[in-house]
């Protein structure tokens, strides 16, 4: 299916948000996720289904001051 990840069009076989994170190499990394501009908590990622045309944002924490 075709989705957009962080503004970039992408093909994926992942059916859930958790599977997408694994496919993209994030594994169990601490990240924030949003699907179609709605925050998705880590606990809900395994059930959160992806659909053709979805927009996913993945944000990693940054350190600095």
PDB file of N, CA and C in Angstrom:
ATOM      1  N   UNK A   1       0.845  -1.176   0.000  1.00  0.00           N
ATOM      2  CA  UNK A   1       0.000   0.000   0.000  1.00  0.00           C
ATOM      3  C   UNK A   1       0.885   1.233   0.000  1.00  0.00           C
ATOM      4  N   UNK A   2       0.326   2.347  -0.444  1.00  0.00           N
ATOM      5  CA  UNK A   2       1.058   3.610  -0.495  1.00  0.00           C
ATOM      6  C   UNK A   2       0.635   4.479   0.689  1.00  0.00           C
ATOM      7  N   UNK A   3       1.639   4.926   1.448  1.00  0.00           N
ATOM      8  CA  UNK A   3       1.407   5.835   2.569  1.00  0.00           C
ATOM      9  C   UNK A   3       2.451   6.943   2.491  1.00  0.00           C
ATOM     10  N   UNK A   4       2.313   7.931   3.346  1.00  0.00           N
ATOM     11  CA  UNK A   4       3.308   8.996   3.446  1.00  0.00           C
ATOM     12  C   UNK A   4       3.905   8.952   4.843  1.00  0.00           C
ATOM     13  N   UNK A   5       5.227   8.866   4.921  1.00  0.00           N
ATOM     14  CA  UNK A   5       5.924   8.824   6.205  1.00  0.00           C
ATOM     15  C   UNK A   5       6.818  10.050   6.294  1.00  0.00           C
ATOM     16  N   UNK A   6       6.540  10.893   7.283  1.00  0.00           N
ATOM     17  CA  UNK A   6       7.313  12.122   7.481  1.00  0.00           C
ATOM     18  C   UNK A   6       7.432  12.920   6.178  1.00  0.00           C
ATOM     19  N   UNK A   7       6.326  12.996   5.443  1.00  0.00           N
ATOM     20  CA  UNK A   7       6.280  13.804   4.239  1.00  0.00           C
ATOM     21  C   UNK A   7       6.796  13.141   2.972  1.00  0.00           C
ATOM     22  N   UNK A   8       7.234  11.880   3.067  1.00  0.00           N
ATOM     23  CA  UNK A   8       7.778  11.171   1.911  1.00  0.00           C
ATOM     24  C   UNK A   8       6.874   9.995   1.540  1.00  0.00           C
ATOM     25  N   UNK A   9       6.465   9.938   0.278  1.00  0.00           N
ATOM     26  CA  UNK A   9       5.636   8.819  -0.191  1.00  0.00           C
ATOM     27  C   UNK A   9       6.436   7.525  -0.087  1.00  0.00           C
ATOM     28  N   UNK A  10       5.753   6.465   0.313  1.00  0.00           N
ATOM     29  CA  UNK A  10       6.437   5.203   0.551  1.00  0.00           C
ATOM     30  C   UNK A  10       5.484   4.036   0.341  1.00  0.00           C
ATOM     31  N   UNK A  11       6.016   2.926  -0.154  1.00  0.00           N
ATOM     32  CA  UNK A  11       5.275   1.673  -0.259  1.00  0.00           C
ATOM     33  C   UNK A  11       5.576   0.853   0.981  1.00  0.00           C
ATOM     34  N   UNK A  12       4.563   0.182   1.527  1.00  0.00           N
ATOM     35  CA  UNK A  12       4.780  -0.670   2.688  1.00  0.00           C
ATOM     36  C   UNK A  12       3.878  -1.895   2.626  1.00  0.00           C
ATOM     37  N   UNK A  13       4.340  -2.969   3.234  1.00  0.00           N
ATOM     38  CA  UNK A  13       3.527  -4.168   3.393  1.00  0.00           C
ATOM     39  C   UNK A  13       2.961  -4.231   4.812  1.00  0.00           C
ATOM     40  N   UNK A  14       3.383  -3.294   5.667  1.00  0.00           N
ATOM     41  CA  UNK A  14       2.951  -3.286   7.067  1.00  0.00           C
ATOM     42  C   UNK A  14       1.447  -3.014   7.151  1.00  0.00           C
ATOM     43  N   UNK A  15       0.781  -3.759   8.011  1.00  0.00           N
ATOM     44  CA  UNK A  15      -0.659  -3.580   8.193  1.00  0.00           C
ATOM     45  C   UNK A  15      -0.992  -2.771   9.437  1.00  0.00           C
ATOM     46  N   UNK A  16      -0.006  -2.638  10.354  1.00  0.00           N
ATOM     47  CA  UNK A  16      -0.224  -1.874  11.582  1.00  0.00           C
ATOM     48  C   UNK A  16       0.899  -0.871  11.764  1.00  0.00           C
ATOM     49  N   UNK A  17       0.655   0.095  12.626  1.00  0.00           N
ATOM     50  CA  UNK A  17       1.674   1.100  12.901  1.00  0.00           C
ATOM     51  C   UNK A  17       2.906   0.462  13.534  1.00  0.00           C
ATOM     52  N   UNK A  18       2.724  -0.481  14.427  1.00  0.00           N
ATOM     53  CA  UNK A  18       3.865  -1.167  15.051  1.00  0.00           C
ATOM     54  C   UNK A  18       4.687  -1.902  13.996  1.00  0.00           C
ATOM     55  N   UNK A  19       4.015  -2.606  13.079  1.00  0.00           N
ATOM     56  CA  UNK A  19       4.721  -3.328  12.019  1.00  0.00           C
ATOM     57  C   UNK A  19       5.492  -2.356  11.122  1.00  0.00           C
ATOM     58  N   UNK A  20       4.933  -1.174  10.873  1.00  0.00           N
ATOM     59  CA  UNK A  20       5.625  -0.174  10.070  1.00  0.00           C
ATOM     60  C   UNK A  20       6.900   0.290  10.770  1.00  0.00           C
ATOM     61  N   UNK A  21       6.813   0.545  12.070  1.00  0.00           N
ATOM     62  CA  UNK A  21       8.002   0.971  12.814  1.00  0.00           C
ATOM     63  C   UNK A  21       9.101  -0.080  12.744  1.00  0.00           C
ATOM     64  N   UNK A  22       8.727  -1.335  12.843  1.00  0.00           N
ATOM     65  CA  UNK A  22       9.713  -2.422  12.740  1.00  0.00           C
ATOM     66  C   UNK A  22      10.295  -2.456  11.329  1.00  0.00           C
ATOM     67  N   UNK A  23       9.422  -2.347  10.326  1.00  0.00           N
ATOM     68  CA  UNK A  23       9.865  -2.362   8.930  1.00  0.00           C
ATOM     69  C   UNK A  23      10.851  -1.233   8.637  1.00  0.00           C
ATOM     70  N   UNK A  24      10.636  -0.074   9.257  1.00  0.00           N
ATOM     71  CA  UNK A  24      11.501   1.084   9.022  1.00  0.00           C
ATOM     72  C   UNK A  24      12.751   1.090   9.896  1.00  0.00           C
ATOM     73  N   UNK A  25      12.903   0.084  10.761  1.00  0.00           N
ATOM     74  CA  UNK A  25      14.108  -0.034  11.568  1.00  0.00           C
ATOM     75  C   UNK A  25      14.053   0.641  12.924  1.00  0.00           C
ATOM     76  N   UNK A  26      12.876   1.093  13.340  1.00  0.00           N
ATOM     77  CA  UNK A  26      12.755   1.735  14.650  1.00  0.00           C
ATOM     78  C   UNK A  26      12.646   0.716  15.775  1.00  0.00           C
ATOM     79  N   UNK A  27      12.154  -0.483  15.481  1.00  0.00           N
ATOM     80  CA  UNK A  27      12.016  -1.524  16.499  1.00  0.00           C
ATOM     81  C   UNK A  27      11.281  -1.017  17.719  1.00  0.00           C
ATOM     82  N   UNK A  28      11.918  -1.112  18.867  1.00  0.00           N
ATOM     83  CA  UNK A  28      11.320  -0.672  20.128  1.00  0.00           C
ATOM     84  C   UNK A  28      11.849   0.700  20.565  1.00  0.00           C
ATOM     85  N   UNK A  29      12.403   1.459  19.647  1.00  0.00           N
ATOM     86  CA  UNK A  29      12.948   2.783  19.974  1.00  0.00           C
ATOM     87  C   UNK A  29      11.849   3.688  20.528  1.00  0.00           C
ATOM     88  N   UNK A  30      12.257   4.604  21.383  1.00  0.00           N
ATOM     89  CA  UNK A  30      11.323   5.583  21.950  1.00  0.00           C
ATOM     90  C   UNK A  30      11.052   6.660  20.903  1.00  0.00           C
ATOM     91  N   UNK A  31       9.876   6.625  20.328  1.00  0.00           N
ATOM     92  CA  UNK A  31       9.468   7.612  19.328  1.00  0.00           C
ATOM     93  C   UNK A  31       8.033   8.035  19.608  1.00  0.00           C
ATOM     94  N   UNK A  32       7.652   9.179  19.082  1.00  0.00           N
ATOM     95  CA  UNK A  32       6.260   9.620  19.118  1.00  0.00           C
ATOM     96  C   UNK A  32       5.689   9.378  17.724  1.00  0.00           C
ATOM     97  N   UNK A  33       4.428   8.963  17.663  1.00  0.00           N
ATOM     98  CA  UNK A  33       3.815   8.678  16.373  1.00  0.00           C
ATOM     99  C   UNK A  33       2.464   9.368  16.246  1.00  0.00           C
ATOM    100  N   UNK A  34       2.168   9.740  15.005  1.00  0.00           N
ATOM    101  CA  UNK A  34       0.852  10.306  14.688  1.00  0.00           C
ATOM    102  C   UNK A  34       0.386   9.680  13.384  1.00  0.00           C
ATOM    103  N   UNK A  35      -0.902   9.431  13.297  1.00  0.00           N
ATOM    104  CA  UNK A  35      -1.511   8.887  12.096  1.00  0.00           C
ATOM    105  C   UNK A  35      -2.589   9.862  11.650  1.00  0.00           C
ATOM    106  N   UNK A  36      -2.432  10.382  10.450  1.00  0.00           N
ATOM    107  CA  UNK A  36      -3.372  11.372   9.917  1.00  0.00           C
ATOM    108  C   UNK A  36      -3.588  12.518  10.897  1.00  0.00           C
ATOM    109  N   UNK A  37      -2.453  12.988  11.456  1.00  0.00           N
ATOM    110  CA  UNK A  37      -2.399  14.142  12.356  1.00  0.00           C
ATOM    111  C   UNK A  37      -3.025  13.895  13.734  1.00  0.00           C
ATOM    112  N   UNK A  38      -3.213  12.630  14.104  1.00  0.00           N
ATOM    113  CA  UNK A  38      -3.730  12.280  15.426  1.00  0.00           C
ATOM    114  C   UNK A  38      -2.680  11.443  16.150  1.00  0.00           C
ATOM    115  N   UNK A  39      -2.291  11.886  17.360  1.00  0.00           N
ATOM    116  CA  UNK A  39      -1.296  11.175  18.166  1.00  0.00           C
ATOM    117  C   UNK A  39      -1.741   9.743  18.431  1.00  0.00           C
ATOM    118  N   UNK A  40      -0.803   8.795  18.312  1.00  0.00           N
ATOM    119  CA  UNK A  40      -1.080   7.387  18.609  1.00  0.00           C
ATOM    120  C   UNK A  40      -0.109   6.947  19.699  1.00  0.00           C
ATOM    121  N   UNK A  41      -0.611   6.654  20.920  1.00  0.00           N
ATOM    122  CA  UNK A  41       0.267   6.192  22.001  1.00  0.00           C
ATOM    123  C   UNK A  41       0.907   4.840  21.663  1.00  0.00           C
ATOM    124  N   UNK A  42       2.067   4.588  22.236  1.00  0.00           N
ATOM    125  CA  UNK A  42       2.797   3.344  21.980  1.00  0.00           C
ATOM    126  C   UNK A  42       1.939   2.110  22.248  1.00  0.00           C
ATOM    127  N   UNK A  43       1.131   2.142  23.280  1.00  0.00           N
ATOM    128  CA  UNK A  43       0.311   0.976  23.641  1.00  0.00           C
ATOM    129  C   UNK A  43      -0.728   0.634  22.570  1.00  0.00           C
ATOM    130  N   UNK A  44      -1.102   1.592  21.752  1.00  0.00           N
ATOM    131  CA  UNK A  44      -2.128   1.358  20.728  1.00  0.00           C
ATOM    132  C   UNK A  44      -1.548   1.028  19.348  1.00  0.00           C
ATOM    133  N   UNK A  45      -0.255   1.122  19.188  1.00  0.00           N
ATOM    134  CA  UNK A  45       0.358   0.880  17.874  1.00  0.00           C
ATOM    135  C   UNK A  45       0.129  -0.519  17.319  1.00  0.00           C
ATOM    136  N   UNK A  46       0.146  -1.575  18.154  1.00  0.00           N
ATOM    137  CA  UNK A  46      -0.085  -2.909  17.590  1.00  0.00           C
ATOM    138  C   UNK A  46      -1.472  -3.080  16.964  1.00  0.00           C
ATOM    139  N   UNK A  47      -2.478  -2.362  17.453  1.00  0.00           N
ATOM    140  CA  UNK A  47      -3.836  -2.485  16.916  1.00  0.00           C
ATOM    141  C   UNK A  47      -4.144  -1.435  15.860  1.00  0.00           C
ATOM    142  N   UNK A  48      -3.314  -0.408  15.756  1.00  0.00           N
ATOM    143  CA  UNK A  48      -3.617   0.697  14.847  1.00  0.00           C
ATOM    144  C   UNK A  48      -3.367   0.280  13.407  1.00  0.00           C
ATOM    145  N   UNK A  49      -4.442   0.016  12.662  1.00  0.00           N
ATOM    146  CA  UNK A  49      -4.357  -0.424  11.275  1.00  0.00           C
ATOM    147  C   UNK A  49      -3.954   0.736  10.363  1.00  0.00           C
ATOM    148  N   UNK A  50      -3.210   0.401   9.319  1.00  0.00           N
ATOM    149  CA  UNK A  50      -2.837   1.376   8.303  1.00  0.00           C
ATOM    150  C   UNK A  50      -3.699   1.141   7.065  1.00  0.00           C
ATOM    151  N   UNK A  51      -4.004   2.228   6.368  1.00  0.00           N
ATOM    152  CA  UNK A  51      -4.782   2.159   5.144  1.00  0.00           C
ATOM    153  C   UNK A  51      -4.066   2.917   4.039  1.00  0.00           C
ATOM    154  N   UNK A  52      -4.335   2.533   2.813  1.00  0.00           N
ATOM    155  CA  UNK A  52      -3.760   3.213   1.667  1.00  0.00           C
ATOM    156  C   UNK A  52      -4.035   4.712   1.769  1.00  0.00           C
ATOM    157  N   UNK A  53      -3.000   5.513   1.589  1.00  0.00           N
ATOM    158  CA  UNK A  53      -3.146   6.962   1.639  1.00  0.00           C
ATOM    159  C   UNK A  53      -2.930   7.589   3.001  1.00  0.00           C
ATOM    160  N   UNK A  54      -2.726   6.772   4.048  1.00  0.00           N
ATOM    161  CA  UNK A  54      -2.501   7.318   5.389  1.00  0.00           C
ATOM    162  C   UNK A  54      -1.235   8.165   5.428  1.00  0.00           C
ATOM    163  N   UNK A  55      -1.230   9.118   6.367  1.00  0.00           N
ATOM    164  CA  UNK A  55      -0.069   9.969   6.624  1.00  0.00           C
ATOM    165  C   UNK A  55       0.449   9.657   8.024  1.00  0.00           C
ATOM    166  N   UNK A  56       1.694   9.216   8.098  1.00  0.00           N
ATOM    167  CA  UNK A  56       2.323   8.838   9.365  1.00  0.00           C
ATOM    168  C   UNK A  56       3.462   9.804   9.665  1.00  0.00           C
ATOM    169  N   UNK A  57       3.506  10.268  10.894  1.00  0.00           N
ATOM    170  CA  UNK A  57       4.625  11.083  11.366  1.00  0.00           C
ATOM    171  C   UNK A  57       5.316  10.315  12.481  1.00  0.00           C
ATOM    172  N   UNK A  58       6.644  10.237  12.401  1.00  0.00           N
ATOM    173  CA  UNK A  58       7.458   9.573  13.415  1.00  0.00           C
ATOM    174  C   UNK A  58       8.475  10.592  13.902  1.00  0.00           C
ATOM    175  N   UNK A  59       8.463  10.868  15.194  1.00  0.00           N
ATOM    176  CA  UNK A  59       9.353  11.877  15.767  1.00  0.00           C
ATOM    177  C   UNK A  59      10.235  11.221  16.821  1.00  0.00           C
ATOM    178  N   UNK A  60      11.537  11.405  16.677  1.00  0.00           N
ATOM    179  CA  UNK A  60      12.477  10.859  17.665  1.00  0.00           C
ATOM    180  C   UNK A  60      12.879  11.981  18.614  1.00  0.00           C
ATOM    181  N   UNK A  61      13.109  11.636  19.889  1.00  0.00           N
ATOM    182  CA  UNK A  61      13.521  12.662  20.847  1.00  0.00           C
ATOM    183  C   UNK A  61      14.912  13.195  20.521  1.00  0.00           C
ATOM    184  N   UNK A  62      15.133  14.459  20.815  1.00  0.00           N
ATOM    185  CA  UNK A  62      16.433  15.097  20.591  1.00  0.00           C
ATOM    186  C   UNK A  62      16.911  15.680  21.909  1.00  0.00           C
ATOM    187  N   UNK A  63      18.206  15.669  22.065  1.00  0.00           N
ATOM    188  CA  UNK A  63      18.786  16.281  23.249  1.00  0.00           C
ATOM    189  C   UNK A  63      19.458  17.578  22.853  1.00  0.00           C
ATOM    190  N   UNK A  64      19.516  18.451  23.764  1.00  0.00           N
ATOM    191  CA  UNK A  64      20.183  19.708  23.482  1.00  0.00           C
ATOM    192  C   UNK A  64      19.711  20.760  24.472  1.00  0.00           C
ATOM    193  N   UNK A  65      20.152  21.930  24.264  1.00  0.00           N
ATOM    194  CA  UNK A  65      19.775  22.955  25.205  1.00  0.00           C
ATOM    195  C   UNK A  65      19.687  24.317  24.601  1.00  0.00           C
TER     196      UNK A  65
END
